[in-house]
Amino acid sequence: MQMMLADSHRGLSLVVDLALDRLMAPAAILIALMIGGVLGYELVQLFGPAAGSPYQL
């Protein structure tokens, strides 16, 4: 019984590790894209052609 519990715990740990490995790369890419989008938006607002007002001539 003890061996079965140890093996099932090891198997569950492997499943969790594989699931995290499959989720971490897309999550990191998604977070990096969101941060890049926010930074890009802020830079456009700061240095864009109409920095004062969008309707200013």
PDB file of N, CA and C in Angstrom:
ATOM      1  N   MET A   1       0.830  -1.199   0.000  1.00  0.00           N
ATOM      2  CA  MET A   1       0.000   0.000   0.000  1.00  0.00           C
ATOM      3  C   MET A   1       0.874   1.264   0.000  1.00  0.00           C
ATOM      4  N   GLN A   2       1.927   1.216   0.799  1.00  0.00           N
ATOM      5  CA  GLN A   2       2.823   2.368   0.873  1.00  0.00           C
ATOM      6  C   GLN A   2       3.477   2.636  -0.477  1.00  0.00           C
ATOM      7  N   MET A   3       3.864   1.577  -1.183  1.00  0.00           N
ATOM      8  CA  MET A   3       4.482   1.713  -2.495  1.00  0.00           C
ATOM      9  C   MET A   3       3.493   2.310  -3.487  1.00  0.00           C
ATOM     10  N   MET A   4       2.219   1.901  -3.398  1.00  0.00           N
ATOM     11  CA  MET A   4       1.208   2.422  -4.311  1.00  0.00           C
ATOM     12  C   MET A   4       0.989   3.913  -4.083  1.00  0.00           C
ATOM     13  N   LEU A   5       0.965   4.336  -2.822  1.00  0.00           N
ATOM     14  CA  LEU A   5       0.794   5.757  -2.521  1.00  0.00           C
ATOM     15  C   LEU A   5       1.990   6.566  -3.006  1.00  0.00           C
ATOM     16  N   ALA A   6       3.178   6.042  -2.833  1.00  0.00           N
ATOM     17  CA  ALA A   6       4.373   6.750  -3.291  1.00  0.00           C
ATOM     18  C   ALA A   6       4.379   6.876  -4.811  1.00  0.00           C
ATOM     19  N   ASP A   7       3.999   5.796  -5.501  1.00  0.00           N
ATOM     20  CA  ASP A   7       3.969   5.841  -6.960  1.00  0.00           C
ATOM     21  C   ASP A   7       2.884   6.775  -7.473  1.00  0.00           C
ATOM     22  N   SER A   8       1.731   6.800  -6.817  1.00  0.00           N
ATOM     23  CA  SER A   8       0.663   7.681  -7.280  1.00  0.00           C
ATOM     24  C   SER A   8       1.032   9.142  -7.041  1.00  0.00           C
ATOM     25  N   HIS A   9       1.716   9.408  -5.925  1.00  0.00           N
ATOM     26  CA  HIS A   9       2.159  10.774  -5.659  1.00  0.00           C
ATOM     27  C   HIS A   9       3.188  11.208  -6.693  1.00  0.00           C
ATOM     28  N   ARG A  10       4.087  10.309  -7.045  1.00  0.00           N
ATOM     29  CA  ARG A  10       5.102  10.616  -8.053  1.00  0.00           C
ATOM     30  C   ARG A  10       4.443  10.850  -9.414  1.00  0.00           C
ATOM     31  N   GLY A  11       3.439  10.046  -9.740  1.00  0.00           N
ATOM     32  CA  GLY A  11       2.732  10.211 -11.003  1.00  0.00           C
ATOM     33  C   GLY A  11       1.971  11.524 -11.057  1.00  0.00           C
ATOM     34  N   LEU A  12       1.341  11.890  -9.938  1.00  0.00           N
ATOM     35  CA  LEU A  12       0.612  13.157  -9.884  1.00  0.00           C
ATOM     36  C   LEU A  12       1.579  14.329 -10.021  1.00  0.00           C
ATOM     37  N   SER A  13       2.738  14.208  -9.396  1.00  0.00           N
ATOM     38  CA  SER A  13       3.743  15.254  -9.500  1.00  0.00           C
ATOM     39  C   SER A  13       4.205  15.409 -10.952  1.00  0.00           C
ATOM     40  N   LEU A  14       4.362  14.303 -11.638  1.00  0.00           N
ATOM     41  CA  LEU A  14       4.764  14.342 -13.046  1.00  0.00           C
ATOM     42  C   LEU A  14       3.687  15.005 -13.898  1.00  0.00           C
ATOM     43  N   VAL A  15       2.432  14.679 -13.627  1.00  0.00           N
ATOM     44  CA  VAL A  15       1.334  15.278 -14.391  1.00  0.00           C
ATOM     45  C   VAL A  15       1.280  16.783 -14.157  1.00  0.00           C
ATOM     46  N   VAL A  16       1.439  17.205 -12.907  1.00  0.00           N
ATOM     47  CA  VAL A  16       1.419  18.637 -12.600  1.00  0.00           C
ATOM     48  C   VAL A  16       2.604  19.339 -13.259  1.00  0.00           C
ATOM     49  N   ASP A  17       3.786  18.716 -13.208  1.00  0.00           N
ATOM     50  CA  ASP A  17       4.958  19.316 -13.858  1.00  0.00           C
ATOM     51  C   ASP A  17       4.765  19.452 -15.362  1.00  0.00           C
ATOM     52  N   LEU A  18       4.213  18.442 -15.996  1.00  0.00           N
ATOM     53  CA  LEU A  18       3.973  18.518 -17.441  1.00  0.00           C
ATOM     54  C   LEU A  18       2.932  19.584 -17.767  1.00  0.00           C
ATOM     55  N   ALA A  19       1.895  19.681 -16.953  1.00  0.00           N
ATOM     56  CA  ALA A  19       0.866  20.698 -17.189  1.00  0.00           C
ATOM     57  C   ALA A  19       1.455  22.096 -17.039  1.00  0.00           C
ATOM     58  N   LEU A  20       2.285  22.286 -16.018  1.00  0.00           N
ATOM     59  CA  LEU A  20       2.906  23.602 -15.835  1.00  0.00           C
ATOM     60  C   LEU A  20       3.864  23.926 -16.973  1.00  0.00           C
ATOM     61  N   ASP A  21       4.593  22.930 -17.444  1.00  0.00           N
ATOM     62  CA  ASP A  21       5.493  23.168 -18.575  1.00  0.00           C
ATOM     63  C   ASP A  21       4.720  23.576 -19.815  1.00  0.00           C
ATOM     64  N   ARG A  22       3.552  22.991 -20.007  1.00  0.00           N
ATOM     65  CA  ARG A  22       2.762  23.332 -21.195  1.00  0.00           C
ATOM     66  C   ARG A  22       2.080  24.682 -21.059  1.00  0.00           C
ATOM     67  N   LEU A  23       1.853  25.155 -19.836  1.00  0.00           N
ATOM     68  CA  LEU A  23       1.151  26.420 -19.627  1.00  0.00           C
ATOM     69  C   LEU A  23       2.092  27.611 -19.456  1.00  0.00           C
ATOM     70  N   MET A  24       3.305  27.374 -19.006  1.00  0.00           N
ATOM     71  CA  MET A  24       4.190  28.486 -18.688  1.00  0.00           C
ATOM     72  C   MET A  24       4.644  29.261 -19.924  1.00  0.00           C
ATOM     73  N   ALA A  25       4.982  28.575 -21.001  1.00  0.00           N
ATOM     74  CA  ALA A  25       5.461  29.277 -22.198  1.00  0.00           C
ATOM     75  C   ALA A  25       4.365  30.160 -22.807  1.00  0.00           C
ATOM     76  N   PRO A  26       3.138  29.666 -23.034  1.00  0.00           N
ATOM     77  CA  PRO A  26       2.109  30.565 -23.563  1.00  0.00           C
ATOM     78  C   PRO A  26       1.746  31.693 -22.605  1.00  0.00           C
ATOM     79  N   ALA A  27       1.759  31.414 -21.307  1.00  0.00           N
ATOM     80  CA  ALA A  27       1.461  32.470 -20.334  1.00  0.00           C
ATOM     81  C   ALA A  27       2.539  33.544 -20.365  1.00  0.00           C
ATOM     82  N   ALA A  28       3.799  33.146 -20.457  1.00  0.00           N
ATOM     83  CA  ALA A  28       4.888  34.121 -20.516  1.00  0.00           C
ATOM     84  C   ALA A  28       4.814  34.955 -21.797  1.00  0.00           C
ATOM     85  N   ILE A  29       4.479  34.313 -22.907  1.00  0.00           N
ATOM     86  CA  ILE A  29       4.340  35.040 -24.171  1.00  0.00           C
ATOM     87  C   ILE A  29       3.179  36.023 -24.088  1.00  0.00           C
ATOM     88  N   LEU A  30       2.061  35.595 -23.524  1.00  0.00           N
ATOM     89  CA  LEU A  30       0.897  36.472 -23.395  1.00  0.00           C
ATOM     90  C   LEU A  30       1.199  37.666 -22.499  1.00  0.00           C
ATOM     91  N   ILE A  31       1.871  37.434 -21.386  1.00  0.00           N
ATOM     92  CA  ILE A  31       2.222  38.532 -20.487  1.00  0.00           C
ATOM     93  C   ILE A  31       3.198  39.492 -21.164  1.00  0.00           C
ATOM     94  N   ALA A  32       4.172  38.959 -21.894  1.00  0.00           N
ATOM     95  CA  ALA A  32       5.129  39.824 -22.592  1.00  0.00           C
ATOM     96  C   ALA A  32       4.440  40.668 -23.663  1.00  0.00           C
ATOM     97  N   LEU A  33       3.483  40.081 -24.378  1.00  0.00           N
ATOM     98  CA  LEU A  33       2.752  40.850 -25.393  1.00  0.00           C
ATOM     99  C   LEU A  33       1.896  41.933 -24.761  1.00  0.00           C
ATOM    100  N   MET A  34       1.281  41.634 -23.631  1.00  0.00           N
ATOM    101  CA  MET A  34       0.464  42.646 -22.958  1.00  0.00           C
ATOM    102  C   MET A  34       1.326  43.789 -22.440  1.00  0.00           C
ATOM    103  N   ILE A  35       2.474  43.470 -21.862  1.00  0.00           N
ATOM    104  CA  ILE A  35       3.381  44.519 -21.377  1.00  0.00           C
ATOM    105  C   ILE A  35       3.902  45.346 -22.552  1.00  0.00           C
ATOM    106  N   GLY A  36       4.241  44.687 -23.650  1.00  0.00           N
ATOM    107  CA  GLY A  36       4.693  45.418 -24.834  1.00  0.00           C
ATOM    108  C   GLY A  36       3.615  46.321 -25.397  1.00  0.00           C
ATOM    109  N   GLY A  37       2.381  45.849 -25.394  1.00  0.00           N
ATOM    110  CA  GLY A  37       1.276  46.672 -25.874  1.00  0.00           C
ATOM    111  C   GLY A  37       1.051  47.901 -25.010  1.00  0.00           C
ATOM    112  N   VAL A  38       1.110  47.721 -23.703  1.00  0.00           N
ATOM    113  CA  VAL A  38       0.931  48.856 -22.796  1.00  0.00           C
ATOM    114  C   VAL A  38       2.071  49.855 -22.956  1.00  0.00           C
ATOM    115  N   LEU A  39       3.305  49.346 -23.035  1.00  0.00           N
ATOM    116  CA  LEU A  39       4.438  50.255 -23.225  1.00  0.00           C
ATOM    117  C   LEU A  39       4.363  50.973 -24.569  1.00  0.00           C
ATOM    118  N   GLY A  40       3.988  50.254 -25.611  1.00  0.00           N
ATOM    119  CA  GLY A  40       3.848  50.880 -26.920  1.00  0.00           C
ATOM    120  C   GLY A  40       2.774  51.952 -26.926  1.00  0.00           C
ATOM    121  N   TYR A  41       1.643  51.660 -26.283  1.00  0.00           N
ATOM    122  CA  TYR A  41       0.564  52.644 -26.212  1.00  0.00           C
ATOM    123  C   TYR A  41       1.014  53.893 -25.457  1.00  0.00           C
ATOM    124  N   GLU A  42       1.714  53.697 -24.350  1.00  0.00           N
ATOM    125  CA  GLU A  42       2.192  54.839 -23.573  1.00  0.00           C
ATOM    126  C   GLU A  42       3.228  55.649 -24.344  1.00  0.00           C
ATOM    127  N   LEU A  43       4.103  54.967 -25.090  1.00  0.00           N
ATOM    128  CA  LEU A  43       5.091  55.701 -25.884  1.00  0.00           C
ATOM    129  C   LEU A  43       4.443  56.484 -27.011  1.00  0.00           C
ATOM    130  N   VAL A  44       3.412  55.921 -27.632  1.00  0.00           N
ATOM    131  CA  VAL A  44       2.697  56.648 -28.683  1.00  0.00           C
ATOM    132  C   VAL A  44       1.996  57.864 -28.093  1.00  0.00           C
ATOM    133  N   GLN A  45       1.419  57.701 -26.906  1.00  0.00           N
ATOM    134  CA  GLN A  45       0.766  58.838 -26.257  1.00  0.00           C
ATOM    135  C   GLN A  45       1.783  59.914 -25.883  1.00  0.00           C
ATOM    136  N   LEU A  46       2.986  59.491 -25.502  1.00  0.00           N
ATOM    137  CA  LEU A  46       4.003  60.439 -25.061  1.00  0.00           C
ATOM    138  C   LEU A  46       4.700  61.129 -26.227  1.00  0.00           C
ATOM    139  N   PHE A  47       5.076  60.364 -27.263  1.00  0.00           N
ATOM    140  CA  PHE A  47       5.865  60.913 -28.359  1.00  0.00           C
ATOM    141  C   PHE A  47       5.114  60.972 -29.681  1.00  0.00           C
ATOM    142  N   GLY A  48       3.816  60.723 -29.670  1.00  0.00           N
ATOM    143  CA  GLY A  48       3.051  60.711 -30.904  1.00  0.00           C
ATOM    144  C   GLY A  48       2.966  62.075 -31.562  1.00  0.00           C
ATOM    145  N   PRO A  49       2.488  62.117 -32.810  1.00  0.00           N
ATOM    146  CA  PRO A  49       2.418  63.392 -33.533  1.00  0.00           C
ATOM    147  C   PRO A  49       1.471  64.399 -32.881  1.00  0.00           C
ATOM    148  N   ALA A  50       0.454  63.932 -32.233  1.00  0.00           N
ATOM    149  CA  ALA A  50      -0.495  64.830 -31.574  1.00  0.00           C
ATOM    150  C   ALA A  50      -0.412  64.618 -30.068  1.00  0.00           C
ATOM    151  N   ALA A  51       0.737  64.979 -29.500  1.00  0.00           N
ATOM    152  CA  ALA A  51       0.959  64.716 -28.079  1.00  0.00           C
ATOM    153  C   ALA A  51       0.049  65.576 -27.202  1.00  0.00           C
ATOM    154  N   GLY A  52      -0.301  66.773 -27.663  1.00  0.00           N
ATOM    155  CA  GLY A  52      -1.138  67.639 -26.840  1.00  0.00           C
ATOM    156  C   GLY A  52      -2.590  67.254 -26.901  1.00  0.00           C
ATOM    157  N   SER A  53      -3.167  67.264 -28.094  1.00  0.00           N
ATOM    158  CA  SER A  53      -4.574  66.961 -28.265  1.00  0.00           C
ATOM    159  C   SER A  53      -4.737  66.260 -29.618  1.00  0.00           C
ATOM    160  N   PRO A  54      -5.605  65.310 -29.717  1.00  0.00           N
ATOM    161  CA  PRO A  54      -5.761  64.613 -31.007  1.00  0.00           C
ATOM    162  C   PRO A  54      -6.349  65.506 -32.096  1.00  0.00           C
ATOM    163  N   TYR A  55      -6.988  66.626 -31.727  1.00  0.00           N
ATOM    164  CA  TYR A  55      -7.615  67.502 -32.720  1.00  0.00           C
ATOM    165  C   TYR A  55      -6.843  68.802 -32.916  1.00  0.00           C
ATOM    166  N   GLN A  56      -5.671  68.889 -32.343  1.00  0.00           N
ATOM    167  CA  GLN A  56      -4.863  70.103 -32.478  1.00  0.00           C
ATOM    168  C   GLN A  56      -4.220  70.135 -33.853  1.00  0.00           C
ATOM    169  N   LEU A  57      -4.239  71.301 -34.493  1.00  0.00           N
ATOM    170  CA  LEU A  57      -3.634  71.461 -35.814  1.00  0.00           C
ATOM    171  C   LEU A  57      -2.227  72.000 -35.719  1.00  0.00           C
TER     172      LEU A  57
END
